[in-house]
């Protein structure tokens, strides 16, 4: 049994993961503060786009058409 891989930290807790998350938060802040009109203009379209994307990616756990009865 390999115990070293069991103790591996998740990527978001590593140093590079924290730097990436920090950079994304700072970029998101400046994007929202400087381009608020552009971002809010796209918001209704992003909500409409989220509906088919959720249906596409979230229905994976429904058995994928396998209708066998045990």
N, C-alpha and C. Protein backbone atom coordinates (compact mmCIF):
# COMPACT_ATOMS: atom_id res chain seq x y z
N UNK A 1 0.85 -1.16 0.00
CA UNK A 1 0.00 0.00 0.00
C UNK A 1 0.90 1.24 0.00
N UNK A 2 0.53 2.21 -0.83
CA UNK A 2 1.32 3.42 -0.96
C UNK A 2 0.71 4.51 -0.08
N UNK A 3 1.32 4.76 1.07
CA UNK A 3 0.77 5.75 2.00
C UNK A 3 1.19 7.16 1.63
N UNK A 4 2.21 7.31 0.80
CA UNK A 4 2.66 8.64 0.41
C UNK A 4 1.61 9.35 -0.44
N UNK A 5 0.95 8.63 -1.34
CA UNK A 5 -0.06 9.26 -2.19
C UNK A 5 -1.33 9.55 -1.40
N UNK A 6 -1.56 8.83 -0.28
CA UNK A 6 -2.73 9.10 0.55
C UNK A 6 -2.59 10.44 1.28
N UNK A 7 -1.38 10.84 1.57
CA UNK A 7 -1.13 12.07 2.32
C UNK A 7 -0.89 13.27 1.41
N UNK A 8 -1.05 13.10 0.13
CA UNK A 8 -0.81 14.18 -0.81
C UNK A 8 -1.85 15.28 -0.61
N UNK A 9 -1.39 16.53 -0.52
CA UNK A 9 -2.31 17.64 -0.30
C UNK A 9 -3.04 17.98 -1.59
N UNK A 10 -4.27 18.47 -1.49
CA UNK A 10 -4.99 18.88 -2.69
C UNK A 10 -4.28 20.07 -3.35
N UNK A 11 -4.52 20.25 -4.64
CA UNK A 11 -3.80 21.29 -5.39
C UNK A 11 -4.10 22.68 -4.85
N UNK A 12 -5.31 22.90 -4.36
CA UNK A 12 -5.68 24.25 -3.91
C UNK A 12 -5.08 24.60 -2.56
N UNK A 13 -4.48 23.63 -1.88
CA UNK A 13 -3.80 23.91 -0.61
C UNK A 13 -2.30 24.00 -0.78
N UNK A 14 -1.82 23.74 -1.99
CA UNK A 14 -0.39 23.88 -2.25
C UNK A 14 -0.05 25.35 -2.45
N UNK A 15 1.23 25.66 -2.47
CA UNK A 15 1.66 27.05 -2.63
C UNK A 15 1.22 27.60 -3.98
N UNK A 16 1.40 26.84 -5.05
CA UNK A 16 1.00 27.33 -6.36
C UNK A 16 -0.51 27.43 -6.48
N UNK A 17 -1.25 26.56 -5.83
CA UNK A 17 -2.71 26.65 -5.84
C UNK A 17 -3.21 27.89 -5.14
N UNK A 18 -2.60 28.22 -4.00
CA UNK A 18 -2.98 29.44 -3.28
C UNK A 18 -2.66 30.69 -4.08
N UNK A 19 -1.52 30.68 -4.77
CA UNK A 19 -1.16 31.82 -5.62
C UNK A 19 -2.16 31.95 -6.76
N UNK A 20 -2.54 30.85 -7.36
CA UNK A 20 -3.51 30.88 -8.46
C UNK A 20 -4.87 31.37 -7.98
N UNK A 21 -5.32 30.92 -6.83
CA UNK A 21 -6.60 31.37 -6.27
C UNK A 21 -6.53 32.86 -5.93
N UNK A 22 -5.43 33.30 -5.35
CA UNK A 22 -5.27 34.72 -5.04
C UNK A 22 -5.28 35.58 -6.29
N UNK A 23 -4.58 35.13 -7.32
CA UNK A 23 -4.56 35.86 -8.59
C UNK A 23 -5.95 35.92 -9.20
N UNK A 24 -6.70 34.82 -9.14
CA UNK A 24 -8.05 34.79 -9.70
C UNK A 24 -8.98 35.72 -8.93
N UNK A 25 -8.84 35.79 -7.60
CA UNK A 25 -9.66 36.70 -6.81
C UNK A 25 -9.35 38.16 -7.13
N UNK A 26 -8.08 38.49 -7.25
CA UNK A 26 -7.69 39.86 -7.59
C UNK A 26 -8.17 40.22 -8.99
N UNK A 27 -7.99 39.31 -9.95
CA UNK A 27 -8.46 39.56 -11.31
C UNK A 27 -9.97 39.71 -11.36
N UNK A 28 -10.68 38.88 -10.60
CA UNK A 28 -12.14 38.99 -10.55
C UNK A 28 -12.59 40.30 -9.95
N UNK A 29 -11.90 40.77 -8.91
CA UNK A 29 -12.24 42.05 -8.30
C UNK A 29 -12.07 43.19 -9.31
N UNK A 30 -10.94 43.22 -10.01
CA UNK A 30 -10.72 44.30 -10.97
C UNK A 30 -11.65 44.18 -12.17
N UNK A 31 -11.98 42.97 -12.56
CA UNK A 31 -12.92 42.79 -13.67
C UNK A 31 -14.28 43.35 -13.30
N UNK A 32 -14.74 43.05 -12.10
CA UNK A 32 -16.05 43.55 -11.67
C UNK A 32 -16.04 45.05 -11.39
N UNK A 33 -14.95 45.57 -10.83
CA UNK A 33 -14.94 46.99 -10.48
C UNK A 33 -14.74 47.87 -11.71
N UNK A 34 -13.94 47.46 -12.67
CA UNK A 34 -13.67 48.29 -13.84
C UNK A 34 -14.64 48.05 -14.99
N UNK A 35 -15.21 46.89 -15.08
CA UNK A 35 -16.07 46.55 -16.22
C UNK A 35 -17.45 46.11 -15.75
N UNK A 36 -17.98 46.78 -14.75
CA UNK A 36 -19.26 46.40 -14.17
C UNK A 36 -20.38 46.41 -15.21
N UNK A 37 -20.43 47.41 -16.07
CA UNK A 37 -21.50 47.50 -17.07
C UNK A 37 -21.40 46.36 -18.07
N UNK A 38 -20.19 45.98 -18.45
CA UNK A 38 -20.03 44.88 -19.39
C UNK A 38 -20.42 43.55 -18.76
N UNK A 39 -19.98 43.33 -17.54
CA UNK A 39 -20.26 42.07 -16.85
C UNK A 39 -21.75 41.94 -16.57
N UNK A 40 -22.38 43.00 -16.09
CA UNK A 40 -23.81 42.94 -15.79
C UNK A 40 -24.64 42.84 -17.06
N UNK A 41 -24.14 43.33 -18.18
CA UNK A 41 -24.84 43.18 -19.45
C UNK A 41 -24.86 41.74 -19.93
N UNK A 42 -23.82 41.00 -19.62
CA UNK A 42 -23.74 39.59 -20.02
C UNK A 42 -24.40 38.65 -19.03
N UNK A 43 -24.73 39.13 -17.85
CA UNK A 43 -25.26 38.26 -16.80
C UNK A 43 -26.53 37.51 -17.19
N UNK A 44 -27.53 38.13 -17.82
CA UNK A 44 -28.72 37.36 -18.22
C UNK A 44 -28.39 36.25 -19.21
N UNK A 45 -27.46 36.52 -20.12
CA UNK A 45 -27.09 35.50 -21.10
C UNK A 45 -26.32 34.36 -20.43
N UNK A 46 -25.51 34.67 -19.44
CA UNK A 46 -24.78 33.61 -18.73
C UNK A 46 -25.72 32.73 -17.92
N UNK A 47 -26.77 33.32 -17.36
CA UNK A 47 -27.75 32.52 -16.63
C UNK A 47 -28.50 31.60 -17.59
N UNK A 48 -28.87 32.12 -18.76
CA UNK A 48 -29.53 31.28 -19.76
C UNK A 48 -28.61 30.17 -20.27
N UNK A 49 -27.34 30.46 -20.40
CA UNK A 49 -26.38 29.45 -20.84
C UNK A 49 -26.14 28.40 -19.77
N UNK A 50 -26.29 28.77 -18.51
CA UNK A 50 -26.07 27.82 -17.42
C UNK A 50 -27.10 26.70 -17.42
N UNK A 51 -28.32 26.98 -17.87
CA UNK A 51 -29.38 25.96 -17.85
C UNK A 51 -29.02 24.74 -18.71
N UNK A 52 -28.70 24.91 -20.01
CA UNK A 52 -28.33 23.71 -20.78
C UNK A 52 -27.03 23.08 -20.32
N UNK A 53 -26.10 23.89 -19.83
CA UNK A 53 -24.85 23.31 -19.34
C UNK A 53 -25.08 22.46 -18.11
N UNK A 54 -25.96 22.90 -17.22
CA UNK A 54 -26.28 22.09 -16.04
C UNK A 54 -26.96 20.79 -16.45
N UNK A 55 -27.87 20.85 -17.41
CA UNK A 55 -28.52 19.63 -17.87
C UNK A 55 -27.52 18.69 -18.53
N UNK A 56 -26.57 19.25 -19.27
CA UNK A 56 -25.59 18.42 -19.96
C UNK A 56 -24.65 17.72 -18.98
N UNK A 57 -24.18 18.44 -17.97
CA UNK A 57 -23.17 17.89 -17.08
C UNK A 57 -23.73 17.26 -15.81
N UNK A 58 -24.92 17.61 -15.39
CA UNK A 58 -25.44 17.12 -14.12
C UNK A 58 -26.26 15.84 -14.25
N UNK A 59 -26.65 15.46 -15.45
CA UNK A 59 -27.45 14.26 -15.62
C UNK A 59 -26.59 13.01 -15.81
N UNK A 60 -25.32 13.09 -15.53
CA UNK A 60 -24.43 11.94 -15.70
C UNK A 60 -24.68 10.82 -14.72
N UNK A 61 -25.26 11.10 -13.58
CA UNK A 61 -25.47 10.09 -12.56
C UNK A 61 -26.81 9.39 -12.63
N UNK A 62 -27.53 9.53 -13.73
CA UNK A 62 -28.86 8.93 -13.84
C UNK A 62 -28.84 7.54 -14.46
N UNK A 63 -27.72 6.90 -14.53
CA UNK A 63 -27.66 5.55 -15.05
C UNK A 63 -27.33 5.48 -16.53
N UNK A 64 -27.26 6.59 -17.20
CA UNK A 64 -26.86 6.68 -18.61
C UNK A 64 -27.68 5.77 -19.50
N UNK A 65 -28.97 5.69 -19.27
CA UNK A 65 -29.85 4.93 -20.15
C UNK A 65 -29.89 3.45 -19.85
N UNK A 66 -29.23 3.00 -18.83
CA UNK A 66 -29.22 1.59 -18.47
C UNK A 66 -30.50 1.28 -17.71
N UNK A 67 -31.43 0.56 -18.33
CA UNK A 67 -32.74 0.31 -17.75
C UNK A 67 -32.87 -1.12 -17.23
N UNK A 68 -31.80 -1.70 -16.76
CA UNK A 68 -31.87 -3.05 -16.20
C UNK A 68 -32.53 -3.02 -14.84
N UNK A 69 -33.36 -3.99 -14.57
CA UNK A 69 -34.01 -4.10 -13.26
C UNK A 69 -33.41 -5.29 -12.53
N UNK A 70 -32.95 -5.05 -11.32
CA UNK A 70 -32.34 -6.14 -10.53
C UNK A 70 -33.37 -6.89 -9.75
